[in-house]
Protein backbone atom coordinates (compact mmCIF):
# COMPACT_ATOMS: atom_id res chain seq x y z
CA MET A 1 84.77 -63.28 142.13
CA SER A 2 88.08 -64.43 140.42
CA ARG A 3 91.33 -65.15 142.20
CA ILE A 4 94.08 -63.25 140.35
CA ALA A 5 97.80 -63.50 140.82
CA VAL A 6 100.14 -60.77 139.32
CA VAL A 7 103.54 -62.29 138.85
CA GLY A 8 105.84 -59.24 139.07
CA ALA A 9 105.90 -56.29 141.37
CA GLY A 10 107.32 -53.70 139.08
CA SER A 11 105.42 -50.53 138.22
CA TRP A 12 103.05 -52.20 135.66
CA GLY A 13 102.36 -55.27 137.80
CA THR A 14 101.69 -53.10 140.92
CA ALA A 15 99.40 -50.83 138.98
CA LEU A 16 97.45 -53.64 137.52
CA ALA A 17 97.02 -55.21 141.04
CA THR A 18 95.91 -51.89 142.41
CA VAL A 19 93.23 -51.15 139.78
CA LEU A 20 91.84 -54.69 139.86
CA ALA A 21 91.65 -54.54 143.65
CA ARG A 22 89.88 -51.17 143.53
CA ARG A 23 87.38 -52.58 141.04
CA GLY A 24 86.22 -54.96 143.66
CA GLY A 25 85.08 -58.55 143.22
CA HIS A 26 88.49 -60.08 142.98
CA SER A 27 91.02 -61.64 145.25
CA VAL A 28 94.36 -60.20 144.21
CA ILE A 29 97.88 -61.26 145.14
CA VAL A 30 101.22 -59.94 143.84
CA TRP A 31 104.42 -61.90 143.63
CA SER A 32 107.67 -60.00 144.12
CA HIS A 33 111.09 -61.31 143.21
CA THR A 34 112.65 -59.44 146.06
CA ARG A 35 111.86 -59.48 149.75
CA GLN A 36 112.62 -55.73 150.13
CA VAL A 37 109.83 -54.68 147.66
CA ALA A 38 107.40 -57.15 149.25
CA ASP A 39 108.11 -55.99 152.79
CA CYS A 40 107.82 -52.28 151.69
CA ILE A 41 104.45 -52.92 150.30
CA LEU A 42 103.21 -54.87 153.30
CA GLU A 43 104.54 -52.29 155.78
CA THR A 44 103.53 -49.04 153.81
CA ARG A 45 100.95 -50.23 151.28
CA GLU A 46 103.03 -48.47 148.65
CA ASN A 47 105.64 -49.67 146.22
CA ARG A 48 108.07 -46.97 146.82
CA GLN A 49 110.74 -48.30 144.53
CA TYR A 50 108.58 -48.69 141.40
CA LEU A 51 105.37 -46.92 141.89
CA PRO A 52 105.75 -44.26 144.45
CA GLY A 53 102.83 -42.27 145.68
CA ILE A 54 100.12 -44.78 144.65
CA PRO A 55 98.34 -46.35 147.72
CA ILE A 56 97.88 -50.00 147.36
CA PRO A 57 94.52 -51.46 148.71
CA ALA A 58 94.95 -53.45 151.90
CA THR A 59 93.09 -56.23 150.21
CA VAL A 60 95.98 -56.86 147.83
CA GLY A 61 98.20 -59.80 149.06
CA VAL A 62 101.98 -59.76 148.62
CA THR A 63 104.34 -62.76 148.57
CA THR A 64 107.83 -63.74 147.50
CA SER A 65 106.56 -67.37 147.16
CA LEU A 66 105.59 -68.44 143.60
CA ASP A 67 103.81 -71.47 145.06
CA GLN A 68 101.57 -69.25 147.25
CA ALA A 69 100.88 -66.85 144.35
CA VAL A 70 100.14 -69.37 141.72
CA GLY A 71 98.53 -72.21 143.76
CA GLU A 72 94.96 -70.80 144.16
CA ALA A 73 94.89 -68.29 141.24
CA GLU A 74 92.40 -68.61 138.31
CA ILE A 75 93.97 -65.89 136.22
CA LEU A 76 97.77 -65.29 136.13
CA ILE A 77 99.06 -62.02 134.97
CA LEU A 78 102.65 -62.08 133.80
CA ALA A 79 104.12 -58.66 134.49
CA VAL A 80 107.84 -59.35 134.65
CA PRO A 81 110.35 -57.72 132.32
CA SER A 82 110.59 -59.61 129.05
CA GLU A 83 114.22 -60.71 129.61
CA HIS A 84 113.13 -62.63 132.71
CA LEU A 85 109.83 -64.13 131.36
CA ARG A 86 111.38 -67.38 130.36
CA THR A 87 113.08 -68.11 133.65
CA VAL A 88 110.02 -67.03 135.83
CA LEU A 89 107.60 -69.02 133.78
CA ALA A 90 109.89 -72.11 133.88
CA ALA A 91 109.90 -71.73 137.74
CA MET A 92 106.08 -71.39 137.63
CA ALA A 93 105.33 -74.38 135.25
CA PRO A 94 105.31 -77.22 137.84
CA LEU A 95 102.74 -75.18 139.89
CA LEU A 96 100.38 -74.48 137.05
CA ARG A 97 96.90 -76.24 136.72
CA SER A 98 95.10 -76.96 133.48
CA ASP A 99 92.09 -74.83 134.56
CA GLN A 100 94.14 -71.55 134.78
CA ILE A 101 94.62 -68.88 132.21
CA LEU A 102 97.53 -66.66 131.46
CA VAL A 103 97.60 -62.96 130.65
CA ASN A 104 100.87 -61.62 129.42
CA ALA A 105 101.61 -57.97 130.17
CA ALA A 106 105.33 -58.10 129.29
CA LYS A 107 106.30 -56.18 126.13
CA GLY A 108 109.39 -57.22 124.11
CA ILE A 109 111.12 -59.62 121.91
CA GLU A 110 113.55 -62.20 123.32
CA ASP A 111 117.21 -61.83 122.71
CA GLY A 112 118.78 -64.43 120.62
CA THR A 113 115.62 -66.38 119.78
CA TYR A 114 113.79 -63.40 118.35
CA LEU A 115 110.55 -64.78 119.73
CA ARG A 116 107.64 -62.83 120.85
CA MET A 117 106.52 -63.28 124.43
CA THR A 118 103.58 -65.66 123.62
CA GLN A 119 105.99 -67.74 121.60
CA VAL A 120 108.28 -67.88 124.66
CA ILE A 121 105.28 -68.90 126.83
CA ASP A 122 104.39 -71.65 124.28
CA GLU A 123 107.87 -72.95 124.17
CA VAL A 124 108.37 -73.04 127.94
CA LEU A 125 104.89 -74.76 128.50
CA ALA A 126 105.60 -77.29 125.69
CA GLN A 127 108.57 -78.39 127.67
CA HIS A 128 107.24 -78.16 131.25
CA GLY A 129 103.41 -78.01 130.74
CA PRO A 130 100.48 -77.63 131.13
CA ARG A 131 99.72 -75.84 127.93
CA LEU A 132 97.39 -73.01 129.11
CA PRO A 133 95.25 -70.57 127.05
CA CYS A 134 97.03 -67.11 126.80
CA GLY A 135 95.97 -63.54 126.17
CA VAL A 136 98.14 -60.45 125.67
CA LEU A 137 97.47 -57.13 127.51
CA SER A 138 98.85 -54.10 125.62
CA GLY A 139 98.04 -50.49 124.71
CA PRO A 140 98.73 -46.95 125.88
CA SER A 141 99.08 -47.11 129.59
CA PHE A 142 101.59 -45.45 131.85
CA ALA A 143 101.64 -47.38 135.10
CA GLN A 144 101.58 -44.20 137.27
CA GLU A 145 98.44 -43.01 135.56
CA VAL A 146 96.61 -46.33 135.83
CA GLY A 147 97.54 -46.55 139.50
CA SER A 148 96.31 -43.09 140.03
CA GLY A 149 92.95 -43.74 138.50
CA SER A 150 93.32 -41.88 135.21
CA PRO A 151 90.79 -43.33 132.63
CA THR A 152 92.71 -45.83 130.43
CA ALA A 153 91.76 -47.95 127.41
CA ILE A 154 93.81 -51.03 126.42
CA THR A 155 93.75 -54.18 124.31
CA ILE A 156 93.38 -57.77 125.29
CA ALA A 157 94.45 -59.93 122.39
CA SER A 158 93.96 -63.73 122.15
CA CYS A 159 93.35 -66.44 119.47
CA ASP A 160 90.72 -67.70 122.08
CA SER A 161 87.89 -65.20 121.73
CA ALA A 162 86.26 -66.59 124.88
CA LEU A 163 89.33 -65.93 126.89
CA ALA A 164 89.56 -62.35 125.50
CA VAL A 165 85.95 -61.72 126.48
CA ARG A 166 86.44 -63.09 130.00
CA VAL A 167 89.50 -60.95 130.60
CA GLN A 168 87.63 -57.95 129.23
CA GLU A 169 84.75 -58.55 131.62
CA GLU A 170 86.88 -59.33 134.62
CA PHE A 171 89.29 -56.48 134.28
CA ALA A 172 87.01 -53.66 133.13
CA GLY A 173 86.03 -51.10 135.66
CA PRO A 174 85.37 -47.36 136.20
CA THR A 175 88.94 -46.28 135.11
CA LEU A 176 89.94 -49.25 132.90
CA ARG A 177 88.38 -50.17 129.53
CA LEU A 178 89.42 -53.23 127.49
CA TYR A 179 88.92 -53.85 123.74
CA THR A 180 89.22 -57.38 122.41
CA ASN A 181 91.41 -58.30 119.49
CA GLY A 182 92.11 -61.57 117.68
CA ASP A 183 95.48 -60.37 116.26
CA VAL A 184 98.06 -61.53 118.79
CA VAL A 185 101.03 -61.00 116.50
CA GLY A 186 100.16 -57.47 115.71
CA VAL A 187 99.27 -56.56 119.24
CA GLU A 188 102.63 -58.04 120.59
CA LEU A 189 104.79 -56.32 117.94
CA GLY A 190 103.04 -53.03 118.40
CA GLY A 191 103.82 -53.11 122.02
CA ALA A 192 107.33 -54.22 121.64
CA LEU A 193 108.51 -51.95 118.76
CA LYS A 194 107.01 -48.72 119.99
CA ASN A 195 109.65 -48.73 122.67
CA VAL A 196 112.32 -48.67 120.07
CA ILE A 197 110.74 -45.72 118.17
CA ALA A 198 110.30 -44.01 121.53
CA ILE A 199 114.02 -43.96 122.16
CA ALA A 200 114.48 -42.27 118.74
CA ALA A 201 111.75 -39.81 119.69
CA GLY A 202 113.49 -39.04 123.00
CA ALA A 203 116.58 -38.38 121.17
CA THR A 204 114.76 -36.04 118.91
CA HIS A 205 113.57 -34.14 121.85
CA GLY A 206 116.96 -34.19 123.61
CA LEU A 207 118.58 -32.68 120.52
CA ALA A 208 115.73 -29.93 120.51
CA LEU A 209 114.97 -30.69 116.81
CA GLY A 210 111.47 -29.45 117.06
CA HIS A 211 107.88 -30.65 116.44
CA ASN A 212 108.23 -31.17 112.75
CA SER A 213 110.97 -33.75 113.42
CA MET A 214 108.90 -35.47 116.08
CA ALA A 215 105.88 -35.73 113.75
CA ALA A 216 107.87 -37.26 111.00
CA LEU A 217 109.50 -39.78 113.39
CA VAL A 218 106.19 -40.98 114.74
CA THR A 219 104.66 -41.19 111.44
CA ARG A 220 107.51 -43.11 109.86
CA GLY A 221 107.80 -45.12 113.02
CA ILE A 222 104.47 -46.52 112.73
CA ALA A 223 105.11 -47.34 109.19
CA GLU A 224 108.19 -49.28 110.17
CA ILE A 225 106.32 -51.24 112.84
CA THR A 226 103.55 -52.00 110.52
CA ARG A 227 105.79 -53.39 107.87
CA LEU A 228 107.38 -55.87 110.38
CA ALA A 229 104.02 -56.70 111.95
CA VAL A 230 102.41 -57.51 108.60
CA ALA A 231 105.46 -59.46 107.44
CA SER A 232 105.20 -61.55 110.67
CA GLY A 233 101.53 -62.33 110.10
CA GLY A 234 99.91 -59.44 111.94
CA GLN A 235 97.13 -57.23 110.61
CA ARG A 236 97.60 -53.73 109.28
CA GLU A 237 94.51 -52.52 111.01
CA THR A 238 95.89 -53.49 114.40
CA LEU A 239 98.66 -51.05 114.20
CA ALA A 240 96.16 -48.14 113.60
CA GLY A 241 94.56 -48.97 116.98
CA LEU A 242 95.35 -48.78 120.71
CA ALA A 243 98.11 -51.42 120.59
CA GLY A 244 99.90 -49.70 117.67
CA LEU A 245 99.45 -46.01 117.01
CA GLY A 246 97.88 -45.27 120.46
CA ASP A 247 100.88 -46.83 122.38
CA LEU A 248 103.37 -45.35 120.03
CA VAL A 249 102.08 -41.82 120.53
CA LEU A 250 101.93 -42.04 124.26
CA THR A 251 105.40 -43.58 124.57
CA CYS A 252 107.00 -41.17 122.19
CA THR A 253 105.54 -38.08 123.78
CA GLY A 254 104.72 -38.70 127.35
CA ALA A 255 106.96 -37.49 130.09
CA LEU A 256 106.55 -40.69 132.03
CA SER A 257 108.03 -42.86 129.22
CA ARG A 258 111.23 -44.56 130.29
CA ASN A 259 112.30 -45.25 126.78
CA ARG A 260 111.77 -41.76 125.78
CA HIS A 261 113.86 -40.67 128.75
CA VAL A 262 116.71 -42.95 127.57
CA GLY A 263 116.58 -41.33 124.25
CA MET A 264 116.47 -37.84 125.55
CA GLU A 265 119.65 -38.50 127.62
CA LEU A 266 121.28 -40.02 124.61
CA GLY A 267 120.46 -37.00 122.58
CA LYS A 268 122.05 -34.82 125.30
CA GLY A 269 125.23 -36.77 124.85
CA ARG A 270 125.18 -39.13 127.87
CA ARG A 271 126.27 -42.75 127.64
CA LEU A 272 123.87 -45.53 127.92
CA PRO A 273 125.38 -47.29 130.92
CA GLU A 274 125.31 -44.07 132.83
CA ILE A 275 121.64 -43.47 131.92
CA LEU A 276 120.53 -47.02 132.86
CA ALA A 277 122.41 -46.99 136.21
CA ALA A 278 120.47 -43.80 137.19
CA MET A 279 117.07 -45.43 136.57
CA ASN A 280 117.21 -47.26 139.92
CA GLY A 281 116.22 -50.67 138.43
CA ARG A 282 113.45 -49.33 136.32
CA VAL A 283 113.47 -51.19 132.82
CA ALA A 284 113.46 -49.50 129.48
CA GLU A 285 112.49 -52.44 127.41
CA GLY A 286 113.42 -50.82 124.06
CA VAL A 287 117.09 -51.11 124.79
CA ARG A 288 116.99 -54.83 124.61
CA THR A 289 114.23 -54.96 121.94
CA THR A 290 116.09 -52.94 119.41
CA ASP A 291 118.70 -55.62 118.33
CA ALA A 292 115.98 -58.40 118.58
CA ALA A 293 113.72 -56.41 116.36
CA LEU A 294 116.53 -56.09 113.80
CA GLY A 295 117.11 -59.90 113.98
CA VAL A 296 113.46 -60.47 113.08
CA ALA A 297 113.67 -57.77 110.38
CA ARG A 298 116.68 -59.47 108.86
CA ARG A 299 115.01 -62.90 108.94
CA LEU A 300 112.04 -61.52 107.11
CA GLN A 301 113.91 -59.01 104.91
CA VAL A 302 112.06 -56.07 106.22
CA GLU A 303 113.67 -52.55 106.09
CA MET A 304 113.72 -50.79 109.46
CA PRO A 305 115.90 -47.72 109.16
CA ILE A 306 114.86 -45.89 112.36
CA THR A 307 115.53 -49.09 114.36
CA GLU A 308 118.91 -49.49 112.76
CA GLN A 309 119.92 -45.93 113.67
CA VAL A 310 118.67 -46.58 117.28
CA SER A 311 120.88 -49.63 117.42
CA ALA A 312 123.88 -47.70 116.26
CA VAL A 313 123.42 -45.07 118.81
CA LEU A 314 122.80 -47.47 121.68
CA HIS A 315 126.02 -49.37 120.76
CA GLU A 316 127.91 -46.00 120.45
CA ARG A 317 128.79 -46.50 116.74
CA ILE A 318 127.26 -43.09 116.04
CA SER A 319 125.92 -40.03 117.83
CA ALA A 320 122.19 -39.31 118.10
CA ARG A 321 122.71 -36.15 115.95
CA ASP A 322 124.58 -38.15 113.18
CA ALA A 323 121.91 -40.84 113.27
CA MET A 324 119.26 -38.25 112.50
CA LYS A 325 121.40 -36.82 109.62
CA GLU A 326 121.65 -40.40 108.30
CA LEU A 327 117.93 -40.81 108.31
CA MET A 328 117.46 -37.46 106.57
CA SER A 329 120.00 -38.22 103.80
CA ARG A 330 118.33 -41.58 102.77
CA PRO A 331 117.23 -41.63 99.21
CA GLY A 332 113.67 -40.43 98.56
CA ARG A 333 110.85 -42.77 98.17
CA ASP A 334 106.97 -43.04 97.74
CA GLU A 335 104.93 -42.99 101.03
């Protein structure tokens, strides 16, 4: 039996805690940033704000104390929004032990620094220690479906193959299957950038442009993601797998996708602040990731036309319809 702490009580953290507890053989505790969410889970065994309708096993502990969550854990799952990862991990650092392992489940690129999440983790732990081995959890997985028990396959990536195999064995169960991967860069960028393309896909749907447009966008989107991942040191093959194409297709087409939802509403003409305010605290990571991805692309001199147009729409420099016209009017090129 492993002692597992899930740091973050949003939809994904709650779903992971739920499926790991149902698997059996683990002691699972969830850390919530807010007392309101923690109390709701304790009283109703449901996270009504972030994962409504999914019963949370009584064996899952809940706390607002990082000390309590981290202290006895062997495996720490980081499931906070990417924009908060640095702050939360810095608060955790003094509590960490050298025999623990980290599994990052946050998808994004940090604003300003343009660092991937494992790079943020490395930087924080280099300052505050200890330096712990880390894996990355990614792939096509809506929290609602994972929590409800739908069969799901995801990726655990790590430069430490023993860590990846351990997480694969510890997390796998009747409804969750894990594949190991040594390409941390490719897996991280696939998970982060698909959210940007999903905003464009949502806008395509909101504009009622049809299936041809959607197919073209997804196809050119994976090409764009792959270019940046390879330029960053990732492997092209990774982007054809679960953490690349699999996650992209799900996020671009699935009705549960928050990033797709943002894009749909932009396509209908709504403004971004209004859209985000109506999401009741749920995070669409692609909104923040878009400009960070362009920062990485400029640094590596990689062309990302879809991401550029998403940025223009998010910052209200152009309408979603005009952004699509701009993409269609680009000079022809070889595939």
